[in-house]
Amino acid sequence: MPRAKKKAAPKKRPLKLPKSVTLGAHTIPIKLQKNLMDSEAFGVFDPNKLEILIDESISENLMIETVMHEVVEAINFLVEADMPHQTIQLMGLMLHQAMESMFSISKICR
């Protein structure tokens, strides 16, 4: 009797981050960038260019959380909230968890 071939595990599709986020009247591009962690950051909101950069080498889960963090950074800048970085960190983390629990955003981004 011939042996059955093992099925290969389905390949995981790469994460598709949104191309931008709209905050107020501003559409802020979200871009992947190589070697961003060389500057010791997983992501950056650039207030001069109004763009969000995410290091392409980080894990997908961390990538989504970092996008949330940078969105909070952008909101903080745009509304001049003057939030301390610890608050921004907390808000990014909690928004990621809330969005994942309500909408399974890691699945939506596939």
Protein backbone atom coordinates (compact mmCIF):
# COMPACT_ATOMS: atom_id res chain seq x y z
CA MET A 1 0.00 0.00 0.00
CA PRO A 2 1.53 3.36 -0.99
CA ARG A 3 2.19 5.84 1.77
CA ALA A 4 0.14 8.99 1.77
CA LYS A 5 2.07 12.17 1.13
CA LYS A 6 2.23 14.60 3.99
CA LYS A 7 0.48 17.83 3.28
CA ALA A 8 2.66 20.86 3.69
CA ALA A 9 1.50 23.29 6.34
CA PRO A 10 -0.29 26.21 4.73
CA LYS A 11 2.00 29.18 4.27
CA LYS A 12 1.20 32.11 6.47
CA ARG A 13 0.36 35.13 4.36
CA PRO A 14 2.44 38.19 5.14
CA LEU A 15 0.94 40.89 7.27
CA LYS A 16 -0.72 43.75 5.37
CA LEU A 17 -0.63 46.91 7.41
CA PRO A 18 -2.98 49.72 6.46
CA LYS A 19 -1.34 52.13 4.00
CA SER A 20 -2.42 55.12 6.07
CA VAL A 21 -4.49 56.39 8.97
CA THR A 22 -6.66 59.51 8.88
CA LEU A 23 -6.59 61.71 11.97
CA GLY A 24 -8.57 64.91 11.73
CA ALA A 25 -7.82 66.45 8.35
CA HIS A 26 -4.53 64.55 7.99
CA THR A 27 -3.94 61.30 6.13
CA ILE A 28 -0.77 59.86 7.62
CA PRO A 29 1.06 57.21 5.56
CA ILE A 30 2.20 54.04 7.35
CA LYS A 31 5.42 52.69 5.83
CA LEU A 32 7.69 49.74 6.54
CA GLN A 33 11.37 50.58 6.78
CA LYS A 34 14.54 48.52 6.99
CA ASN A 35 16.93 48.89 9.89
CA LEU A 36 14.77 51.27 11.89
CA MET A 37 15.73 49.35 15.04
CA ASP A 38 19.30 50.56 14.49
CA SER A 39 17.96 53.80 15.98
CA GLU A 40 16.56 51.72 18.87
CA ALA A 41 12.91 52.14 17.84
CA PHE A 42 10.34 49.65 16.58
CA GLY A 43 8.47 52.55 15.00
CA VAL A 44 8.54 56.31 14.62
CA PHE A 45 5.98 59.03 14.04
CA ASP A 46 7.68 61.80 12.07
CA PRO A 47 5.86 65.07 12.87
CA ASN A 48 7.71 66.93 10.09
CA LYS A 49 6.65 64.55 7.30
CA LEU A 50 3.45 63.42 9.05
CA GLU A 51 4.24 59.75 8.48
CA ILE A 52 4.58 56.60 10.55
CA LEU A 53 7.55 54.29 9.96
CA ILE A 54 7.56 50.70 11.25
CA ASP A 55 10.62 48.44 11.32
CA GLU A 56 9.93 45.62 8.88
CA SER A 57 12.01 43.09 10.84
CA ILE A 58 9.89 42.97 14.02
CA SER A 59 7.29 40.28 14.71
CA GLU A 60 3.83 40.75 13.26
CA ASN A 61 2.18 41.06 16.67
CA LEU A 62 4.71 43.70 17.73
CA MET A 63 4.22 45.43 14.37
CA ILE A 64 0.50 45.90 15.02
CA GLU A 65 1.11 47.09 18.57
CA THR A 66 3.76 49.51 17.30
CA VAL A 67 1.34 50.96 14.74
CA MET A 68 -1.13 51.59 17.57
CA HIS A 69 1.62 53.25 19.62
CA GLU A 70 2.63 55.51 16.72
CA VAL A 71 -1.01 56.45 16.07
CA VAL A 72 -1.23 57.60 19.69
CA GLU A 73 2.04 59.52 19.16
CA ALA A 74 0.46 61.22 16.13
CA ILE A 75 -2.72 62.07 18.05
CA ASN A 76 -0.60 63.45 20.89
CA PHE A 77 1.22 65.70 18.41
CA LEU A 78 -1.82 66.81 16.41
CA VAL A 79 -3.96 67.80 19.40
CA GLU A 80 -1.02 69.04 21.49
CA ALA A 81 -2.05 66.75 24.35
CA ASP A 82 1.45 66.75 25.88
CA MET A 83 1.00 63.17 27.13
CA PRO A 84 4.05 61.65 28.82
CA HIS A 85 5.64 58.81 26.87
CA GLN A 86 4.59 56.30 29.54
CA THR A 87 0.93 57.20 28.88
CA ILE A 88 1.46 56.86 25.11
CA GLN A 89 3.07 53.46 25.67
CA LEU A 90 0.14 52.33 27.81
CA MET A 91 -2.46 53.61 25.34
CA GLY A 92 -0.76 51.87 22.39
CA LEU A 93 -0.59 48.58 24.26
CA MET A 94 -4.20 48.73 25.46
CA LEU A 95 -5.56 49.85 22.06
CA HIS A 96 -3.79 46.91 20.43
CA GLN A 97 -5.30 44.49 22.93
CA ALA A 98 -8.78 46.04 22.62
CA MET A 99 -8.70 46.00 18.80
CA GLU A 100 -7.47 42.40 18.76
CA SER A 101 -10.15 41.25 21.20
CA MET A 102 -12.97 43.02 19.32
CA PHE A 103 -11.95 42.69 15.69
CA SER A 104 -9.11 40.12 15.51
CA ILE A 105 -7.00 42.69 13.68
CA SER A 106 -4.13 40.24 13.25
CA LYS A 107 -6.51 38.21 11.03
CA ILE A 108 -7.89 41.28 9.25
CA CYS A 109 -4.35 42.31 8.30
CA ARG A 110 -3.87 39.06 6.32
